[in-house]
Amino acid sequence: MNAQATQDRRFLALYALAWAGATVAYVPLLTLLLPMHVDKLAGPEAVRWLAITTFAGAIIASVTNIAAGWLSDLAGKRRPFVLAGLVLSTAMLMVMPHAETLARLMGVIVLWQLGLNVMLGPLSAWAGDRVPEARRGMLGGLLAFAPATGALAGAVVTIPGVADLPQRFGLVGVIVTACVLPIILLGEDGRPTNGSQPTEGSEVARKVLRGMATRMWFARLFVQVSEAALFAYFYLWLRTVDPALPDDAIARVLLTAMVIGALTALAAGRWADKHGKPVLPLALASGGAAAGLMVMALATGRGGVIGGYLLFGLSTAVFLALHSAHTLRVLPDSTRRGRDLGLFNLTNTIPSLVVPSLTLALVPTLGFAGLFVVLAVLALAAMALLSR
């Protein structure tokens, strides 16, 4: 038993590091590096360029995540897929700053999303394979620190004088490789045979059919629409409010929101475990996201901008981390975990298809404030779904 507990803790440490690395693969890129690159190349056309590349990448991500997860289910192995995805996504990070036309940039983004999701889909299912039910609360708490790690990487690579823009892409690739490679080399693959893995029974399947999983799916979708919009356009929005705000200061704002969110998620997860109310923190977090968006919609200066985003950022960090941990409890079929998590991953990729059209429809006429009001309504809808 002690040996098994030691093995579980070891895998949790390796997995937390790998998931943090996987997050570093996209957080600095989508929030900072890609918008910087597009802003430099496209100028006034930057919003349109971001919308087009985000749309194309999201389609590939949606299909690839499900397919890679399902294939890893059939293979009974996650490691080869994670390694292949790491190699391809890191290679595309190195190429991306040299793509100087919209067509080339779109091609690189598509290949990067392909590699990223070949890595992410099986990696997310790997946790379900190896982490026993009794430790999934701890897993959720550890996952909460992954976005903060991504934001920290963004803050580090944008420190003035550390690297120019092309070198920043390369530094991100190095960090990702250093974090993900240990689990590829040392992590136990396949499903355990010692009985430590819980078996999902008919009761869980009935809960899914009764609608809890459906409400969770739609609630995450609504919150992720807001998250995707801020991911893609946060940098450009801040530039419209305060053009003098330096890049490293923006990165520090992102990092602060993620760190506070991770610490809050740990506290909320412990409270939920103690009181047996795993859904209540999700409802409160979606309400906090709505409040933060309204503050941003009304903000006219740097203080309001930062305050609103901090509230939004910590709320969504709590929501997404605890939601991911709870999702593992409601999946009905452990032999198709990769496929089912891929279907849940659509809540991450569908927003990237919706947000560009939503942004192009609202921002030119109503500004970013109008966009934030619509996103706040969606976050409130998520709160209503989870409060039932």
Protein backbone atom coordinates (compact mmCIF):
# COMPACT_ATOMS: atom_id res chain seq x y z
CA MET A 1 0.00 0.00 0.00
CA ASN A 2 2.81 2.39 0.87
CA ALA A 3 4.57 1.51 -2.37
CA GLN A 4 1.35 2.19 -4.30
CA ALA A 5 0.86 5.52 -2.51
CA THR A 6 4.43 6.50 -3.35
CA GLN A 7 3.86 5.54 -6.98
CA ASP A 8 0.64 7.59 -7.08
CA ARG A 9 2.37 10.65 -5.63
CA ARG A 10 5.23 10.27 -8.09
CA PHE A 11 2.86 10.10 -11.03
CA LEU A 12 0.89 13.10 -9.73
CA ALA A 13 4.10 15.15 -9.58
CA LEU A 14 5.12 14.12 -13.09
CA TYR A 15 1.63 14.77 -14.40
CA ALA A 16 1.33 18.19 -12.75
CA LEU A 17 4.64 19.19 -14.35
CA ALA A 18 3.56 17.84 -17.75
CA TRP A 19 0.18 19.57 -17.66
CA ALA A 20 1.85 22.82 -16.67
CA GLY A 21 4.17 22.40 -19.66
CA ALA A 22 1.25 21.69 -21.97
CA THR A 23 -0.36 24.89 -20.73
CA VAL A 24 2.84 26.83 -21.37
CA ALA A 25 2.56 25.57 -24.95
CA TYR A 26 -0.49 27.76 -25.60
CA VAL A 27 -1.00 30.41 -22.88
CA PRO A 28 1.96 32.73 -23.74
CA LEU A 29 1.38 32.15 -27.44
CA LEU A 30 -2.33 32.94 -27.57
CA THR A 31 -2.35 35.76 -25.03
CA LEU A 32 0.90 37.55 -25.91
CA LEU A 33 3.25 36.22 -28.58
CA LEU A 34 0.78 35.61 -31.41
CA PRO A 35 -1.04 38.95 -30.89
CA MET A 36 2.34 40.73 -30.77
CA HIS A 37 3.44 39.02 -33.97
CA VAL A 38 0.14 39.75 -35.72
CA ASP A 39 0.08 43.35 -34.50
CA LYS A 40 3.57 43.84 -35.92
CA LEU A 41 2.67 42.30 -39.28
CA ALA A 42 -0.92 43.41 -39.83
CA GLY A 43 -1.32 46.70 -37.93
CA PRO A 44 -4.96 47.84 -38.29
CA GLU A 45 -5.87 44.41 -39.72
CA ALA A 46 -4.67 42.61 -36.59
CA VAL A 47 -8.15 41.78 -35.26
CA ARG A 48 -9.17 40.23 -38.59
CA TRP A 49 -5.94 38.22 -38.81
CA LEU A 50 -6.39 36.91 -35.29
CA ALA A 51 -10.01 36.01 -36.00
CA ILE A 52 -9.12 34.04 -39.15
CA THR A 53 -6.18 32.15 -37.65
CA THR A 54 -8.11 31.39 -34.45
CA PHE A 55 -11.05 30.03 -36.44
CA ALA A 56 -8.89 27.74 -38.59
CA GLY A 57 -6.91 26.47 -35.61
CA ALA A 58 -10.03 25.73 -33.58
CA ILE A 59 -11.48 23.48 -36.27
CA ILE A 60 -8.32 21.38 -36.35
CA ALA A 61 -8.13 21.32 -32.54
CA SER A 62 -11.72 20.08 -32.20
CA VAL A 63 -11.27 17.12 -34.54
CA THR A 64 -7.72 16.24 -33.50
CA ASN A 65 -8.38 16.15 -29.75
CA ILE A 66 -11.23 13.65 -30.11
CA ALA A 67 -9.39 11.53 -32.69
CA ALA A 68 -6.11 11.41 -30.75
CA GLY A 69 -7.89 10.57 -27.50
CA TRP A 70 -9.91 7.83 -29.16
CA LEU A 71 -6.87 6.34 -30.90
CA SER A 72 -4.98 6.30 -27.62
CA ASP A 73 -7.98 4.48 -26.06
CA LEU A 74 -7.76 1.82 -28.76
CA ALA A 75 -3.99 1.55 -28.42
CA GLY A 76 -4.16 1.38 -24.62
CA LYS A 77 -1.17 3.73 -24.53
CA ARG A 78 -0.86 7.50 -24.16
CA ARG A 79 2.92 7.98 -24.27
CA PRO A 80 3.54 7.71 -28.06
CA PHE A 81 0.83 10.25 -28.82
CA VAL A 82 2.08 12.72 -26.22
CA LEU A 83 5.62 12.46 -27.60
CA ALA A 84 4.51 12.94 -31.22
CA GLY A 85 2.39 15.94 -30.29
CA LEU A 86 5.22 17.50 -28.30
CA VAL A 87 7.64 17.21 -31.24
CA LEU A 88 5.24 18.69 -33.82
CA SER A 89 3.87 21.53 -31.67
CA THR A 90 7.35 22.60 -30.53
CA ALA A 91 8.63 22.58 -34.11
CA MET A 92 5.77 24.84 -35.18
CA LEU A 93 6.54 27.23 -32.32
CA MET A 94 10.03 27.65 -33.77
CA VAL A 95 8.65 28.27 -37.27
CA MET A 96 5.79 30.62 -36.33
CA PRO A 97 7.73 33.92 -35.96
CA HIS A 98 9.05 33.44 -39.50
CA ALA A 99 5.55 33.18 -41.03
CA GLU A 100 5.03 36.69 -42.41
CA THR A 101 1.89 36.33 -44.54
CA LEU A 102 -1.63 35.45 -43.47
CA ALA A 103 -1.64 32.22 -45.50
CA ARG A 104 1.67 31.01 -44.06
CA LEU A 105 0.70 31.98 -40.54
CA MET A 106 -2.60 30.11 -40.88
CA GLY A 107 -0.77 27.01 -42.10
CA VAL A 108 1.63 27.09 -39.17
CA ILE A 109 -1.22 27.64 -36.68
CA VAL A 110 -3.12 24.65 -38.11
CA LEU A 111 -0.08 22.36 -37.78
CA TRP A 112 0.65 23.71 -34.30
CA GLN A 113 -2.93 22.99 -33.20
CA LEU A 114 -2.65 19.51 -34.69
CA GLY A 115 0.48 18.76 -32.66
CA LEU A 116 -0.84 20.45 -29.51
CA ASN A 117 -4.02 18.37 -29.45
CA VAL A 118 -2.28 15.10 -30.29
CA MET A 119 -0.41 15.84 -27.06
CA LEU A 120 -3.30 17.25 -24.97
CA GLY A 121 -6.02 14.67 -25.71
CA PRO A 122 -4.11 11.56 -24.62
CA LEU A 123 -2.39 13.49 -21.82
CA SER A 124 -5.74 14.44 -20.25
CA ALA A 125 -6.90 10.79 -20.45
CA TRP A 126 -3.60 9.62 -18.95
CA ALA A 127 -4.60 11.23 -15.65
CA GLY A 128 -7.87 9.31 -15.62
CA ASP A 129 -5.97 6.07 -16.25
CA ARG A 130 -3.44 6.43 -13.46
CA VAL A 131 -4.88 8.73 -10.76
CA PRO A 132 -7.21 6.88 -8.35
CA GLU A 133 -10.53 8.38 -7.30
CA ALA A 134 -9.26 9.25 -3.81
CA ARG A 135 -6.60 11.55 -5.27
CA ARG A 136 -8.61 13.33 -7.95
CA GLY A 137 -9.35 16.26 -5.66
CA MET A 138 -5.62 16.75 -5.28
CA LEU A 139 -5.32 16.43 -9.05
CA GLY A 140 -7.77 19.30 -9.53
CA GLY A 141 -5.80 21.47 -7.14
CA LEU A 142 -2.56 20.78 -8.97
CA LEU A 143 -4.16 21.48 -12.34
CA ALA A 144 -5.16 24.91 -11.06
CA PHE A 145 -1.51 25.95 -11.06
CA ALA A 146 -1.00 25.11 -14.74
CA PRO A 147 -2.50 28.39 -16.08
CA ALA A 148 -0.36 30.30 -13.60
CA THR A 149 2.69 28.49 -14.95
CA GLY A 150 1.67 29.52 -18.46
CA ALA A 151 1.28 33.11 -17.37
CA LEU A 152 4.63 32.97 -15.56
CA ALA A 153 6.28 31.74 -18.74
CA GLY A 154 4.71 34.65 -20.60
CA ALA A 155 6.01 37.08 -18.00
CA VAL A 156 9.53 35.61 -18.17
CA VAL A 157 9.89 35.56 -21.94
CA THR A 158 8.61 39.15 -22.27
CA ILE A 159 11.05 40.68 -19.76
CA PRO A 160 12.74 43.53 -21.64
CA GLY A 161 16.18 42.56 -22.89
CA VAL A 162 15.78 38.81 -22.34
CA ALA A 163 14.88 37.96 -25.92
CA ASP A 164 13.51 39.49 -29.09
CA LEU A 165 10.13 38.31 -30.43
CA PRO A 166 11.38 35.30 -32.50
CA GLN A 167 13.55 34.15 -29.58
CA ARG A 168 10.53 34.33 -27.27
CA PHE A 169 8.79 31.64 -29.31
CA GLY A 170 11.88 29.46 -29.00
CA LEU A 171 12.09 29.94 -25.25
CA VAL A 172 8.49 28.80 -24.88
CA GLY A 173 9.32 25.64 -26.84
CA VAL A 174 12.26 24.88 -24.56
CA ILE A 175 10.12 25.30 -21.42
CA VAL A 176 7.39 23.05 -22.80
CA THR A 177 9.85 20.29 -23.66
CA ALA A 178 11.51 20.45 -20.24
CA CYS A 179 8.14 20.05 -18.51
CA VAL A 180 6.50 17.36 -20.67
CA LEU A 181 9.50 15.12 -21.39
CA PRO A 182 9.81 13.71 -17.81
CA ILE A 183 6.40 12.01 -17.87
CA ILE A 184 7.16 10.60 -21.33
CA LEU A 185 10.38 9.08 -20.00
CA LEU A 186 9.31 8.13 -16.47
CA GLY A 187 5.50 7.99 -16.26
CA GLU A 188 3.62 4.67 -16.02
CA ASP A 189 1.55 4.14 -19.16
CA GLY A 190 -1.57 2.02 -19.67
CA ARG A 191 -4.26 1.21 -17.14
CA PRO A 192 -3.26 -0.20 -13.73
CA THR A 193 -3.86 -3.89 -13.07
CA ASN A 194 -3.66 -3.80 -9.27
CA GLY A 195 -7.22 -2.68 -8.67
CA SER A 196 -6.33 0.87 -7.68
CA GLN A 197 -8.30 2.32 -10.57
CA PRO A 198 -11.99 2.91 -9.77
CA THR A 199 -14.58 1.48 -12.11
CA GLU A 200 -17.38 3.79 -13.20
CA GLY A 201 -20.71 2.05 -12.62
CA SER A 202 -24.28 2.39 -13.78
CA GLU A 203 -25.02 5.07 -11.18
CA VAL A 204 -22.57 7.46 -12.81
CA ALA A 205 -23.97 6.62 -16.25
CA ARG A 206 -27.48 7.39 -14.98
CA LYS A 207 -26.27 10.73 -13.62
CA VAL A 208 -24.89 11.57 -17.06
CA LEU A 209 -28.19 10.60 -18.70
CA ARG A 210 -30.19 12.60 -16.16
CA GLY A 211 -28.45 15.72 -17.31
CA MET A 212 -25.73 16.68 -14.85
CA ALA A 213 -22.97 16.14 -17.39
CA THR A 214 -25.00 18.02 -20.01
CA ARG A 215 -25.40 21.02 -17.72
CA MET A 216 -21.69 20.90 -16.91
CA TRP A 217 -20.86 20.76 -20.63
CA PHE A 218 -22.94 23.82 -21.49
CA ALA A 219 -21.79 25.76 -18.41
CA ARG A 220 -18.16 25.21 -19.37
CA LEU A 221 -18.93 26.19 -22.95
CA PHE A 222 -20.40 29.52 -21.85
CA VAL A 223 -17.49 30.31 -19.55
CA GLN A 224 -14.98 29.23 -22.17
CA VAL A 225 -16.46 31.63 -24.72
CA SER A 226 -15.52 34.44 -22.35
CA GLU A 227 -12.11 32.90 -21.67
CA ALA A 228 -11.39 32.48 -25.39
CA ALA A 229 -12.33 36.08 -26.13
CA LEU A 230 -9.99 37.40 -23.45
CA PHE A 231 -7.26 34.98 -24.56
CA ALA A 232 -7.32 36.26 -28.12
CA TYR A 233 -8.06 39.96 -27.66
CA PHE A 234 -6.87 40.91 -24.17
CA TYR A 235 -3.62 42.39 -25.48
CA LEU A 236 -5.32 44.42 -28.22
CA TRP A 237 -8.04 45.62 -25.81
CA LEU A 238 -5.49 46.85 -23.28
CA ARG A 239 -3.74 48.72 -26.06
CA THR A 240 -6.98 50.65 -26.76
CA VAL A 241 -7.41 51.57 -23.08
CA ASP A 242 -3.78 52.30 -22.18
CA PRO A 243 -1.35 52.38 -25.13
CA ALA A 244 1.54 53.18 -22.76
CA LEU A 245 1.22 49.96 -20.74
CA PRO A 246 4.43 47.94 -21.45
CA ASP A 247 4.37 44.30 -22.56
CA ASP A 248 5.96 42.99 -19.37
CA ALA A 249 3.35 44.79 -17.25
CA ILE A 250 0.56 43.09 -19.20
CA ALA A 251 2.25 39.73 -18.64
CA ARG A 252 2.45 40.45 -14.89
CA VAL A 253 -1.29 41.17 -14.78
CA LEU A 254 -1.97 37.79 -16.41
CA LEU A 255 0.38 36.05 -14.00
CA THR A 256 -1.15 37.69 -10.91
CA ALA A 257 -4.66 36.64 -11.93
CA MET A 258 -3.55 33.06 -12.52
CA VAL A 259 -1.64 32.74 -9.23
CA ILE A 260 -4.50 34.14 -7.17
CA GLY A 261 -6.89 31.88 -9.08
CA ALA A 262 -4.79 28.78 -8.38
CA LEU A 263 -4.62 29.48 -4.65
CA THR A 264 -8.35 30.19 -4.57
CA ALA A 265 -9.05 26.95 -6.45
CA LEU A 266 -7.12 24.94 -3.86
CA ALA A 267 -9.11 26.51 -1.05
CA ALA A 268 -12.42 26.09 -2.88
CA GLY A 269 -11.64 22.45 -3.70
CA ARG A 270 -10.87 21.65 -0.07
CA TRP A 271 -14.07 23.38 1.05
CA ALA A 272 -16.11 21.45 -1.53
CA ASP A 273 -14.60 18.12 -0.45
CA LYS A 274 -15.23 18.87 3.22
CA HIS A 275 -18.86 19.94 2.74
CA GLY A 276 -19.75 17.57 -0.11
CA LYS A 277 -20.75 20.39 -2.49
CA PRO A 278 -18.51 20.10 -5.56
CA VAL A 279 -20.77 22.17 -7.83
CA LEU A 280 -21.29 25.24 -5.62
CA PRO A 281 -17.80 26.69 -6.19
CA LEU A 282 -18.35 26.31 -9.94
CA ALA A 283 -21.55 28.35 -9.77
CA LEU A 284 -19.94 31.07 -7.64
CA ALA A 285 -16.89 31.22 -9.92
CA SER A 286 -19.02 31.73 -13.03
CA GLY A 287 -20.81 34.57 -11.23
CA GLY A 288 -17.45 36.11 -10.37
CA ALA A 289 -16.43 35.92 -14.02
CA ALA A 290 -19.59 37.81 -14.99
CA ALA A 291 -18.84 40.50 -12.41
CA GLY A 292 -15.28 40.91 -13.66
CA LEU A 293 -16.48 41.28 -17.24
CA MET A 294 -18.92 44.01 -16.24
CA VAL A 295 -16.14 45.88 -14.44
CA MET A 296 -14.02 45.67 -17.59
CA ALA A 297 -16.93 46.86 -19.74
CA LEU A 298 -17.27 49.98 -17.57
CA ALA A 299 -13.55 50.61 -17.00
CA THR A 300 -12.02 53.81 -18.38
CA GLY A 301 -8.58 53.74 -16.77
CA ARG A 302 -5.76 51.41 -15.86
CA GLY A 303 -7.04 50.66 -12.35
CA GLY A 304 -10.47 49.50 -13.47
CA VAL A 305 -9.00 47.49 -16.31
CA ILE A 306 -6.61 45.59 -14.04
CA GLY A 307 -9.13 45.14 -11.23
CA GLY A 308 -11.80 43.78 -13.55
CA TYR A 309 -9.43 41.39 -15.24
CA LEU A 310 -8.05 40.11 -11.93
CA LEU A 311 -11.58 39.25 -10.77
CA PHE A 312 -12.37 37.61 -14.10
CA GLY A 313 -9.06 35.75 -14.25
CA LEU A 314 -9.18 34.27 -10.75
CA SER A 315 -12.84 33.28 -11.19
CA THR A 316 -12.26 31.45 -14.47
CA ALA A 317 -9.13 29.78 -13.07
CA VAL A 318 -11.18 28.36 -10.19
CA PHE A 319 -14.00 27.32 -12.51
CA LEU A 320 -11.86 25.57 -15.11
CA ALA A 321 -9.65 23.70 -12.63
CA LEU A 322 -12.49 22.37 -10.48
CA HIS A 323 -14.63 21.62 -13.53
CA SER A 324 -11.85 19.50 -15.05
CA ALA A 325 -11.47 17.45 -11.87
CA HIS A 326 -15.22 16.92 -11.51
CA THR A 327 -15.54 15.85 -15.16
CA LEU A 328 -13.45 12.73 -14.47
CA ARG A 329 -16.13 11.65 -11.99
CA VAL A 330 -19.05 11.77 -14.43
CA LEU A 331 -17.54 9.99 -17.44
CA PRO A 332 -19.44 6.69 -17.81
CA ASP A 333 -16.91 4.52 -19.69
CA SER A 334 -13.29 4.22 -18.55
CA THR A 335 -12.35 2.33 -21.73
CA ARG A 336 -13.32 5.34 -23.86
CA ARG A 337 -12.03 8.04 -21.56
CA GLY A 338 -9.87 9.69 -24.21
CA ARG A 339 -12.79 9.94 -26.62
CA ASP A 340 -15.19 11.29 -23.98
CA LEU A 341 -12.71 13.86 -22.73
CA GLY A 342 -12.25 14.87 -26.36
CA LEU A 343 -16.00 15.54 -26.55
CA PHE A 344 -15.74 17.64 -23.40
CA ASN A 345 -12.78 19.40 -25.00
CA LEU A 346 -15.20 20.76 -27.60
CA THR A 347 -16.15 23.26 -24.91
CA ASN A 348 -12.59 24.58 -25.27
CA THR A 349 -12.49 24.67 -29.06
CA ILE A 350 -16.04 25.64 -30.08
CA PRO A 351 -15.58 29.06 -28.41
CA SER A 352 -12.66 29.69 -30.74
CA LEU A 353 -15.08 29.20 -33.62
CA VAL A 354 -17.71 31.48 -32.08
CA VAL A 355 -15.53 34.26 -30.71
CA PRO A 356 -14.12 35.58 -34.02
CA SER A 357 -17.60 36.10 -35.49
CA LEU A 358 -18.87 37.51 -32.20
CA THR A 359 -15.93 39.90 -32.00
CA LEU A 360 -16.18 41.06 -35.60
CA ALA A 361 -19.92 41.64 -35.15
CA LEU A 362 -19.69 43.60 -31.89
CA VAL A 363 -16.33 45.35 -31.57
CA PRO A 364 -16.50 47.57 -34.70
CA THR A 365 -19.89 49.00 -33.64
CA LEU A 366 -20.11 48.66 -29.84
CA GLY A 367 -16.43 48.43 -28.93
CA PHE A 368 -14.92 45.94 -26.53
CA ALA A 369 -17.35 47.13 -23.82
CA GLY A 370 -20.29 45.72 -25.79
CA LEU A 371 -18.46 42.44 -26.24
CA PHE A 372 -17.79 42.17 -22.50
CA VAL A 373 -21.47 42.74 -21.66
CA VAL A 374 -22.50 39.86 -23.94
CA LEU A 375 -19.85 37.63 -22.40
CA ALA A 376 -21.07 38.54 -18.91
CA VAL A 377 -24.57 37.38 -19.85
CA LEU A 378 -23.14 34.02 -20.95
CA ALA A 379 -21.25 33.64 -17.65
CA LEU A 380 -24.49 34.33 -15.77
CA ALA A 381 -26.18 31.65 -17.85
CA ALA A 382 -23.50 29.21 -16.71
CA MET A 383 -24.15 30.19 -13.12
CA ALA A 384 -27.87 29.55 -13.61
CA LEU A 385 -27.23 26.09 -15.10
CA LEU A 386 -25.02 25.05 -12.19
CA SER A 387 -27.31 26.53 -9.54
CA ARG A 388 -30.20 24.21 -10.45
